[in-house]
């Protein structure tokens, strides 16, 4: 298993309960083949540039250990989920 860090940016128009459902779905995918180390909500922040006409986004940071196949599934889920406007997952190991 490898250590990863994922930052997920949600639309500011997504309700808190819907955002929590998406986060739980992402955690479920991670925990199917790994474990969540930390989950940190950064809240609403101004974006460096507009994304889909949004100037703000709700940031969530998830540190986790998982197999490499989990990354492709997380990215697939983020692409088809309406509330996620951007995501980035990086490998923390060198």
PDB file of N, CA and C in Angstrom:
ATOM      1  N   UNK A   1       0.837  -1.184   0.000  1.00  0.00           N
ATOM      2  CA  UNK A   1       0.000   0.000   0.000  1.00  0.00           C
ATOM      3  C   UNK A   1       0.879   1.244   0.000  1.00  0.00           C
ATOM      4  N   UNK A   2       0.356   2.282  -0.609  1.00  0.00           N
ATOM      5  CA  UNK A   2       1.079   3.541  -0.721  1.00  0.00           C
ATOM      6  C   UNK A   2       0.310   4.658  -0.020  1.00  0.00           C
ATOM      7  N   UNK A   3       1.046   5.685   0.365  1.00  0.00           N
ATOM      8  CA  UNK A   3       0.434   6.849   1.012  1.00  0.00           C
ATOM      9  C   UNK A   3       0.078   7.885  -0.042  1.00  0.00           C
ATOM     10  N   UNK A   4      -1.143   8.413   0.056  1.00  0.00           N
ATOM     11  CA  UNK A   4      -1.624   9.412  -0.887  1.00  0.00           C
ATOM     12  C   UNK A   4      -2.233  10.584  -0.136  1.00  0.00           C
ATOM     13  N   UNK A   5      -2.291  11.714  -0.841  1.00  0.00           N
ATOM     14  CA  UNK A   5      -2.979  12.900  -0.340  1.00  0.00           C
ATOM     15  C   UNK A   5      -3.911  13.371  -1.449  1.00  0.00           C
ATOM     16  N   UNK A   6      -5.181  13.530  -1.111  1.00  0.00           N
ATOM     17  CA  UNK A   6      -6.156  13.979  -2.098  1.00  0.00           C
ATOM     18  C   UNK A   6      -6.845  15.253  -1.642  1.00  0.00           C
ATOM     19  N   UNK A   7      -6.925  16.214  -2.552  1.00  0.00           N
ATOM     20  CA  UNK A   7      -7.659  17.455  -2.285  1.00  0.00           C
ATOM     21  C   UNK A   7      -8.853  17.467  -3.230  1.00  0.00           C
ATOM     22  N   UNK A   8     -10.026  17.648  -2.661  1.00  0.00           N
ATOM     23  CA  UNK A   8     -11.262  17.649  -3.428  1.00  0.00           C
ATOM     24  C   UNK A   8     -11.938  18.998  -3.239  1.00  0.00           C
ATOM     25  N   UNK A   9     -12.296  19.643  -4.356  1.00  0.00           N
ATOM     26  CA  UNK A   9     -12.953  20.951  -4.306  1.00  0.00           C
ATOM     27  C   UNK A   9     -14.395  20.769  -4.747  1.00  0.00           C
ATOM     28  N   UNK A  10     -15.305  21.155  -3.880  1.00  0.00           N
ATOM     29  CA  UNK A  10     -16.728  21.025  -4.139  1.00  0.00           C
ATOM     30  C   UNK A  10     -17.326  22.375  -4.513  1.00  0.00           C
ATOM     31  N   UNK A  11     -18.373  22.339  -5.291  1.00  0.00           N
ATOM     32  CA  UNK A  11     -19.099  23.547  -5.652  1.00  0.00           C
ATOM     33  C   UNK A  11     -19.659  24.186  -4.386  1.00  0.00           C
ATOM     34  N   UNK A  12     -19.606  25.513  -4.271  1.00  0.00           N
ATOM     35  CA  UNK A  12     -20.161  26.161  -3.080  1.00  0.00           C
ATOM     36  C   UNK A  12     -21.686  26.056  -3.022  1.00  0.00           C
ATOM     37  N   UNK A  13     -22.319  25.662  -4.111  1.00  0.00           N
ATOM     38  CA  UNK A  13     -23.774  25.529  -4.145  1.00  0.00           C
ATOM     39  C   UNK A  13     -24.260  24.188  -3.605  1.00  0.00           C
ATOM     40  N   UNK A  14     -23.347  23.242  -3.393  1.00  0.00           N
ATOM     41  CA  UNK A  14     -23.729  21.928  -2.883  1.00  0.00           C
ATOM     42  C   UNK A  14     -24.095  22.055  -1.411  1.00  0.00           C
ATOM     43  N   UNK A  15     -25.234  21.503  -1.035  1.00  0.00           N
ATOM     44  CA  UNK A  15     -25.654  21.523   0.363  1.00  0.00           C
ATOM     45  C   UNK A  15     -24.715  20.681   1.212  1.00  0.00           C
ATOM     46  N   UNK A  16     -24.619  21.020   2.492  1.00  0.00           N
ATOM     47  CA  UNK A  16     -23.700  20.337   3.389  1.00  0.00           C
ATOM     48  C   UNK A  16     -23.992  18.837   3.464  1.00  0.00           C
ATOM     49  N   UNK A  17     -25.264  18.465   3.525  1.00  0.00           N
ATOM     50  CA  UNK A  17     -25.599  17.043   3.630  1.00  0.00           C
ATOM     51  C   UNK A  17     -25.213  16.286   2.358  1.00  0.00           C
ATOM     52  N   UNK A  18     -25.373  16.906   1.194  1.00  0.00           N
ATOM     53  CA  UNK A  18     -24.970  16.269  -0.062  1.00  0.00           C
ATOM     54  C   UNK A  18     -23.452  16.149  -0.146  1.00  0.00           C
ATOM     55  N   UNK A  19     -22.753  17.180   0.309  1.00  0.00           N
ATOM     56  CA  UNK A  19     -21.290  17.152   0.320  1.00  0.00           C
ATOM     57  C   UNK A  19     -20.798  16.044   1.240  1.00  0.00           C
ATOM     58  N   UNK A  20     -21.432  15.901   2.403  1.00  0.00           N
ATOM     59  CA  UNK A  20     -21.037  14.842   3.333  1.00  0.00           C
ATOM     60  C   UNK A  20     -21.287  13.459   2.741  1.00  0.00           C
ATOM     61  N   UNK A  21     -22.359  13.306   1.962  1.00  0.00           N
ATOM     62  CA  UNK A  21     -22.631  12.030   1.294  1.00  0.00           C
ATOM     63  C   UNK A  21     -21.534  11.702   0.287  1.00  0.00           C
ATOM     64  N   UNK A  22     -21.097  12.699  -0.460  1.00  0.00           N
ATOM     65  CA  UNK A  22     -20.030  12.487  -1.449  1.00  0.00           C
ATOM     66  C   UNK A  22     -18.732  12.110  -0.739  1.00  0.00           C
ATOM     67  N   UNK A  23     -18.425  12.805   0.355  1.00  0.00           N
ATOM     68  CA  UNK A  23     -17.207  12.508   1.113  1.00  0.00           C
ATOM     69  C   UNK A  23     -17.264  11.088   1.665  1.00  0.00           C
ATOM     70  N   UNK A  24     -18.413  10.683   2.185  1.00  0.00           N
ATOM     71  CA  UNK A  24     -18.563   9.318   2.696  1.00  0.00           C
ATOM     72  C   UNK A  24     -18.398   8.287   1.579  1.00  0.00           C
ATOM     73  N   UNK A  25     -18.883   8.611   0.393  1.00  0.00           N
ATOM     74  CA  UNK A  25     -18.722   7.717  -0.760  1.00  0.00           C
ATOM     75  C   UNK A  25     -17.243   7.575  -1.110  1.00  0.00           C
ATOM     76  N   UNK A  26     -16.514   8.699  -1.114  1.00  0.00           N
ATOM     77  CA  UNK A  26     -15.082   8.658  -1.400  1.00  0.00           C
ATOM     78  C   UNK A  26     -14.335   7.859  -0.326  1.00  0.00           C
ATOM     79  N   UNK A  27     -14.697   8.082   0.935  1.00  0.00           N
ATOM     80  CA  UNK A  27     -14.080   7.318   2.027  1.00  0.00           C
ATOM     81  C   UNK A  27     -14.358   5.828   1.893  1.00  0.00           C
ATOM     82  N   UNK A  28     -15.567   5.469   1.461  1.00  0.00           N
ATOM     83  CA  UNK A  28     -15.919   4.071   1.275  1.00  0.00           C
ATOM     84  C   UNK A  28     -15.069   3.407   0.208  1.00  0.00           C
ATOM     85  N   UNK A  29     -14.810   4.120  -0.874  1.00  0.00           N
ATOM     86  CA  UNK A  29     -13.952   3.586  -1.939  1.00  0.00           C
ATOM     87  C   UNK A  29     -12.536   3.384  -1.418  1.00  0.00           C
ATOM     88  N   UNK A  30     -12.039   4.356  -0.668  1.00  0.00           N
ATOM     89  CA  UNK A  30     -10.684   4.251  -0.110  1.00  0.00           C
ATOM     90  C   UNK A  30     -10.607   3.075   0.855  1.00  0.00           C
ATOM     91  N   UNK A  31     -11.590   2.949   1.731  1.00  0.00           N
ATOM     92  CA  UNK A  31     -11.551   1.906   2.760  1.00  0.00           C
ATOM     93  C   UNK A  31     -11.813   0.509   2.209  1.00  0.00           C
ATOM     94  N   UNK A  32     -12.275   0.415   0.963  1.00  0.00           N
ATOM     95  CA  UNK A  32     -12.465  -0.903   0.355  1.00  0.00           C
ATOM     96  C   UNK A  32     -11.117  -1.582   0.101  1.00  0.00           C
ATOM     97  N   UNK A  33     -10.053  -0.794  -0.075  1.00  0.00           N
ATOM     98  CA  UNK A  33      -8.729  -1.368  -0.316  1.00  0.00           C
ATOM     99  C   UNK A  33      -7.649  -0.550   0.382  1.00  0.00           C
ATOM    100  N   UNK A  34      -7.960  -0.022   1.552  1.00  0.00           N
ATOM    101  CA  UNK A  34      -6.979   0.779   2.275  1.00  0.00           C
ATOM    102  C   UNK A  34      -7.585   1.388   3.515  1.00  0.00           C
ATOM    103  N   UNK A  35      -7.020   2.516   3.944  1.00  0.00           N
ATOM    104  CA  UNK A  35      -7.537   3.181   5.137  1.00  0.00           C
ATOM    105  C   UNK A  35      -7.323   4.690   5.038  1.00  0.00           C
ATOM    106  N   UNK A  36      -8.252   5.431   5.624  1.00  0.00           N
ATOM    107  CA  UNK A  36      -8.158   6.884   5.686  1.00  0.00           C
ATOM    108  C   UNK A  36      -7.327   7.254   6.908  1.00  0.00           C
ATOM    109  N   UNK A  37      -6.264   8.024   6.703  1.00  0.00           N
ATOM    110  CA  UNK A  37      -5.406   8.456   7.799  1.00  0.00           C
ATOM    111  C   UNK A  37      -5.990   9.693   8.468  1.00  0.00           C
ATOM    112  N   UNK A  38      -6.210  10.751   7.670  1.00  0.00           N
ATOM    113  CA  UNK A  38      -6.809  11.976   8.194  1.00  0.00           C
ATOM    114  C   UNK A  38      -7.775  12.551   7.173  1.00  0.00           C
ATOM    115  N   UNK A  39      -8.776  13.249   7.675  1.00  0.00           N
ATOM    116  CA  UNK A  39      -9.723  13.974   6.833  1.00  0.00           C
ATOM    117  C   UNK A  39      -9.855  15.362   7.421  1.00  0.00           C
ATOM    118  N   UNK A  40      -9.586  16.376   6.609  1.00  0.00           N
ATOM    119  CA  UNK A  40      -9.582  17.751   7.095  1.00  0.00           C
ATOM    120  C   UNK A  40     -10.416  18.620   6.165  1.00  0.00           C
ATOM    121  N   UNK A  41     -11.468  19.235   6.701  1.00  0.00           N
ATOM    122  CA  UNK A  41     -12.279  20.168   5.921  1.00  0.00           C
ATOM    123  C   UNK A  41     -11.683  21.558   6.062  1.00  0.00           C
ATOM    124  N   UNK A  42     -11.312  22.153   4.943  1.00  0.00           N
ATOM    125  CA  UNK A  42     -10.760  23.494   4.950  1.00  0.00           C
ATOM    126  C   UNK A  42     -11.835  24.553   4.797  1.00  0.00           C
ATOM    127  N   UNK A  43     -13.014  24.169   4.365  1.00  0.00           N
ATOM    128  CA  UNK A  43     -14.111  25.111   4.218  1.00  0.00           C
ATOM    129  C   UNK A  43     -14.067  25.846   2.892  1.00  0.00           C
ATOM    130  N   UNK A  44     -14.884  26.914   2.794  1.00  0.00           N
ATOM    131  CA  UNK A  44     -14.941  27.714   1.570  1.00  0.00           C
ATOM    132  C   UNK A  44     -13.708  28.587   1.451  1.00  0.00           C
ATOM    133  N   UNK A  45     -13.115  28.566   0.266  1.00  0.00           N
ATOM    134  CA  UNK A  45     -11.945  29.388  -0.020  1.00  0.00           C
ATOM    135  C   UNK A  45     -12.055  29.931  -1.430  1.00  0.00           C
ATOM    136  N   UNK A  46     -11.406  31.045  -1.644  1.00  0.00           N
ATOM    137  CA  UNK A  46     -11.378  31.644  -2.964  1.00  0.00           C
ATOM    138  C   UNK A  46     -10.472  30.818  -3.871  1.00  0.00           C
ATOM    139  N   UNK A  47     -10.924  30.578  -5.096  1.00  0.00           N
ATOM    140  CA  UNK A  47     -10.134  29.834  -6.065  1.00  0.00           C
ATOM    141  C   UNK A  47      -9.095  30.755  -6.709  1.00  0.00           C
ATOM    142  N   UNK A  48      -7.989  30.198  -7.135  1.00  0.00           N
ATOM    143  CA  UNK A  48      -6.945  30.987  -7.801  1.00  0.00           C
ATOM    144  C   UNK A  48      -7.439  31.506  -9.144  1.00  0.00           C
ATOM    145  N   UNK A  49      -8.322  30.746  -9.789  1.00  0.00           N
ATOM    146  CA  UNK A  49      -8.929  31.143 -11.059  1.00  0.00           C
ATOM    147  C   UNK A  49     -10.324  30.535 -11.120  1.00  0.00           C
ATOM    148  N   UNK A  50     -11.167  31.084 -11.943  1.00  0.00           N
ATOM    149  CA  UNK A  50     -12.540  30.592 -12.051  1.00  0.00           C
ATOM    150  C   UNK A  50     -12.572  29.191 -12.645  1.00  0.00           C
ATOM    151  N   UNK A  51     -13.402  28.352 -12.052  1.00  0.00           N
ATOM    152  CA  UNK A  51     -13.650  27.009 -12.566  1.00  0.00           C
ATOM    153  C   UNK A  51     -15.151  26.886 -12.756  1.00  0.00           C
ATOM    154  N   UNK A  52     -15.584  26.698 -13.982  1.00  0.00           N
ATOM    155  CA  UNK A  52     -17.022  26.574 -14.296  1.00  0.00           C
ATOM    156  C   UNK A  52     -17.826  27.744 -13.726  1.00  0.00           C
ATOM    157  N   UNK A  53     -17.322  28.947 -13.841  1.00  0.00           N
ATOM    158  CA  UNK A  53     -17.953  30.178 -13.357  1.00  0.00           C
ATOM    159  C   UNK A  53     -18.035  30.276 -11.840  1.00  0.00           C
ATOM    160  N   UNK A  54     -17.290  29.447 -11.111  1.00  0.00           N
ATOM    161  CA  UNK A  54     -17.230  29.536  -9.647  1.00  0.00           C
ATOM    162  C   UNK A  54     -15.964  30.272  -9.248  1.00  0.00           C
ATOM    163  N   UNK A  55     -16.090  31.190  -8.296  1.00  0.00           N
ATOM    164  CA  UNK A  55     -14.935  31.918  -7.780  1.00  0.00           C
ATOM    165  C   UNK A  55     -14.509  31.389  -6.415  1.00  0.00           C
ATOM    166  N   UNK A  56     -15.371  30.550  -5.808  1.00  0.00           N
ATOM    167  CA  UNK A  56     -15.073  29.933  -4.527  1.00  0.00           C
ATOM    168  C   UNK A  56     -15.346  28.443  -4.617  1.00  0.00           C
ATOM    169  N   UNK A  57     -14.746  27.696  -3.697  1.00  0.00           N
ATOM    170  CA  UNK A  57     -14.995  26.273  -3.616  1.00  0.00           C
ATOM    171  C   UNK A  57     -14.808  25.798  -2.192  1.00  0.00           C
ATOM    172  N   UNK A  58     -15.419  24.662  -1.880  1.00  0.00           N
ATOM    173  CA  UNK A  58     -15.290  24.062  -0.553  1.00  0.00           C
ATOM    174  C   UNK A  58     -14.216  22.986  -0.633  1.00  0.00           C
ATOM    175  N   UNK A  59     -13.123  23.157   0.115  1.00  0.00           N
ATOM    176  CA  UNK A  59     -11.980  22.260   0.043  1.00  0.00           C
ATOM    177  C   UNK A  59     -12.038  21.188   1.127  1.00  0.00           C
ATOM    178  N   UNK A  60     -11.672  19.968   0.741  1.00  0.00           N
ATOM    179  CA  UNK A  60     -11.531  18.866   1.683  1.00  0.00           C
ATOM    180  C   UNK A  60     -10.229  18.132   1.360  1.00  0.00           C
ATOM    181  N   UNK A  61      -9.414  17.892   2.384  1.00  0.00           N
ATOM    182  CA  UNK A  61      -8.150  17.180   2.244  1.00  0.00           C
ATOM    183  C   UNK A  61      -8.289  15.810   2.885  1.00  0.00           C
ATOM    184  N   UNK A  62      -7.907  14.763   2.155  1.00  0.00           N
ATOM    185  CA  UNK A  62      -7.945  13.405   2.690  1.00  0.00           C
ATOM    186  C   UNK A  62      -6.564  12.777   2.495  1.00  0.00           C
ATOM    187  N   UNK A  63      -5.935  12.369   3.598  1.00  0.00           N
ATOM    188  CA  UNK A  63      -4.700  11.586   3.551  1.00  0.00           C
ATOM    189  C   UNK A  63      -5.087  10.131   3.768  1.00  0.00           C
ATOM    190  N   UNK A  64      -4.526   9.242   2.938  1.00  0.00           N
ATOM    191  CA  UNK A  64      -4.937   7.842   3.037  1.00  0.00           C
ATOM    192  C   UNK A  64      -3.857   6.911   2.517  1.00  0.00           C
ATOM    193  N   UNK A  65      -4.000   5.629   2.894  1.00  0.00           N
ATOM    194  CA  UNK A  65      -3.179   4.547   2.375  1.00  0.00           C
ATOM    195  C   UNK A  65      -4.087   3.661   1.549  1.00  0.00           C
ATOM    196  N   UNK A  66      -3.630   3.300   0.350  1.00  0.00           N
ATOM    197  CA  UNK A  66      -4.468   2.458  -0.504  1.00  0.00           C
ATOM    198  C   UNK A  66      -3.632   1.834  -1.613  1.00  0.00           C
ATOM    199  N   UNK A  67      -4.248   0.890  -2.296  1.00  0.00           N
ATOM    200  CA  UNK A  67      -3.653   0.287  -3.480  1.00  0.00           C
ATOM    201  C   UNK A  67      -3.783   1.267  -4.640  1.00  0.00           C
ATOM    202  N   UNK A  68      -2.966   1.100  -5.663  1.00  0.00           N
ATOM    203  CA  UNK A  68      -2.977   2.026  -6.790  1.00  0.00           C
ATOM    204  C   UNK A  68      -4.283   1.981  -7.582  1.00  0.00           C
ATOM    205  N   UNK A  69      -4.996   0.867  -7.575  1.00  0.00           N
ATOM    206  CA  UNK A  69      -6.255   0.757  -8.317  1.00  0.00           C
ATOM    207  C   UNK A  69      -7.326   1.685  -7.752  1.00  0.00           C
ATOM    208  N   UNK A  70      -7.213   2.038  -6.493  1.00  0.00           N
ATOM    209  CA  UNK A  70      -8.193   2.917  -5.851  1.00  0.00           C
ATOM    210  C   UNK A  70      -8.157   4.321  -6.466  1.00  0.00           C
ATOM    211  N   UNK A  71      -6.998   4.761  -6.885  1.00  0.00           N
ATOM    212  CA  UNK A  71      -6.852   6.114  -7.430  1.00  0.00           C
ATOM    213  C   UNK A  71      -7.695   6.290  -8.685  1.00  0.00           C
ATOM    214  N   UNK A  72      -7.654   5.317  -9.571  1.00  0.00           N
ATOM    215  CA  UNK A  72      -8.443   5.395 -10.805  1.00  0.00           C
ATOM    216  C   UNK A  72      -9.934   5.440 -10.486  1.00  0.00           C
ATOM    217  N   UNK A  73     -10.363   4.675  -9.503  1.00  0.00           N
ATOM    218  CA  UNK A  73     -11.780   4.664  -9.122  1.00  0.00           C
ATOM    219  C   UNK A  73     -12.195   5.999  -8.503  1.00  0.00           C
ATOM    220  N   UNK A  74     -11.343   6.587  -7.661  1.00  0.00           N
ATOM    221  CA  UNK A  74     -11.646   7.891  -7.070  1.00  0.00           C
ATOM    222  C   UNK A  74     -11.778   8.961  -8.151  1.00  0.00           C
ATOM    223  N   UNK A  75     -10.860   8.967  -9.102  1.00  0.00           N
ATOM    224  CA  UNK A  75     -10.917   9.954 -10.180  1.00  0.00           C
ATOM    225  C   UNK A  75     -12.149   9.755 -11.050  1.00  0.00           C
ATOM    226  N   UNK A  76     -12.543   8.507 -11.281  1.00  0.00           N
ATOM    227  CA  UNK A  76     -13.749   8.228 -12.058  1.00  0.00           C
ATOM    228  C   UNK A  76     -14.983   8.760 -11.341  1.00  0.00           C
ATOM    229  N   UNK A  77     -15.060   8.530 -10.048  1.00  0.00           N
ATOM    230  CA  UNK A  77     -16.210   8.992  -9.266  1.00  0.00           C
ATOM    231  C   UNK A  77     -16.260  10.518  -9.262  1.00  0.00           C
ATOM    232  N   UNK A  78     -15.116  11.175  -9.132  1.00  0.00           N
ATOM    233  CA  UNK A  78     -15.089  12.637  -9.124  1.00  0.00           C
ATOM    234  C   UNK A  78     -15.537  13.213 -10.465  1.00  0.00           C
ATOM    235  N   UNK A  79     -15.209  12.546 -11.555  1.00  0.00           N
ATOM    236  CA  UNK A  79     -15.613  13.032 -12.875  1.00  0.00           C
ATOM    237  C   UNK A  79     -17.122  12.954 -13.090  1.00  0.00           C
ATOM    238  N   UNK A  80     -17.767  11.927 -12.535  1.00  0.00           N
ATOM    239  CA  UNK A  80     -19.204  11.755 -12.779  1.00  0.00           C
ATOM    240  C   UNK A  80     -20.073  12.369 -11.691  1.00  0.00           C
ATOM    241  N   UNK A  81     -19.468  12.895 -10.626  1.00  0.00           N
ATOM    242  CA  UNK A  81     -20.223  13.508  -9.539  1.00  0.00           C
ATOM    243  C   UNK A  81     -20.346  15.007  -9.799  1.00  0.00           C
ATOM    244  N   UNK A  82     -21.575  15.495  -9.812  1.00  0.00           N
ATOM    245  CA  UNK A  82     -21.831  16.898 -10.145  1.00  0.00           C
ATOM    246  C   UNK A  82     -21.237  17.877  -9.138  1.00  0.00           C
ATOM    247  N   UNK A  83     -21.191  17.543  -7.874  1.00  0.00           N
ATOM    248  CA  UNK A  83     -20.742  18.489  -6.852  1.00  0.00           C
ATOM    249  C   UNK A  83     -19.249  18.736  -6.820  1.00  0.00           C
ATOM    250  N   UNK A  84     -18.455  17.837  -7.389  1.00  0.00           N
ATOM    251  CA  UNK A  84     -17.001  17.976  -7.376  1.00  0.00           C
ATOM    252  C   UNK A  84     -16.575  18.769  -8.607  1.00  0.00           C
ATOM    253  N   UNK A  85     -15.907  19.910  -8.373  1.00  0.00           N
ATOM    254  CA  UNK A  85     -15.471  20.716  -9.523  1.00  0.00           C
ATOM    255  C   UNK A  85     -13.998  20.501  -9.856  1.00  0.00           C
ATOM    256  N   UNK A  86     -13.202  19.987  -8.897  1.00  0.00           N
ATOM    257  CA  UNK A  86     -11.796  19.707  -9.174  1.00  0.00           C
ATOM    258  C   UNK A  86     -11.275  18.757  -8.105  1.00  0.00           C
ATOM    259  N   UNK A  87     -10.309  17.910  -8.475  1.00  0.00           N
ATOM    260  CA  UNK A  87      -9.657  17.046  -7.507  1.00  0.00           C
ATOM    261  C   UNK A  87      -8.209  16.824  -7.920  1.00  0.00           C
ATOM    262  N   UNK A  88      -7.375  16.537  -6.935  1.00  0.00           N
ATOM    263  CA  UNK A  88      -5.977  16.210  -7.200  1.00  0.00           C
ATOM    264  C   UNK A  88      -5.527  15.196  -6.160  1.00  0.00           C
ATOM    265  N   UNK A  89      -4.960  14.103  -6.642  1.00  0.00           N
ATOM    266  CA  UNK A  89      -4.448  13.062  -5.756  1.00  0.00           C
ATOM    267  C   UNK A  89      -2.973  12.866  -6.079  1.00  0.00           C
ATOM    268  N   UNK A  90      -2.132  12.951  -5.048  1.00  0.00           N
ATOM    269  CA  UNK A  90      -0.692  12.792  -5.260  1.00  0.00           C
ATOM    270  C   UNK A  90      -0.167  11.671  -4.372  1.00  0.00           C
ATOM    271  N   UNK A  91       0.893  11.027  -4.855  1.00  0.00           N
ATOM    272  CA  UNK A  91       1.580   9.985  -4.117  1.00  0.00           C
ATOM    273  C   UNK A  91       2.603  10.655  -3.198  1.00  0.00           C
ATOM    274  N   UNK A  92       2.558  10.372  -1.906  1.00  0.00           N
ATOM    275  CA  UNK A  92       3.457  11.013  -0.961  1.00  0.00           C
ATOM    276  C   UNK A  92       4.809  10.314  -0.842  1.00  0.00           C
ATOM    277  N   UNK A  93       4.940   9.131  -1.442  1.00  0.00           N
ATOM    278  CA  UNK A  93       6.189   8.399  -1.378  1.00  0.00           C
ATOM    279  C   UNK A  93       7.094   8.778  -2.537  1.00  0.00           C
ATOM    280  N   UNK A  94       8.384   8.695  -2.310  1.00  0.00           N
ATOM    281  CA  UNK A  94       9.343   9.043  -3.365  1.00  0.00           C
ATOM    282  C   UNK A  94       9.841   7.814  -4.057  1.00  0.00           C
TER     283      UNK A  94
END
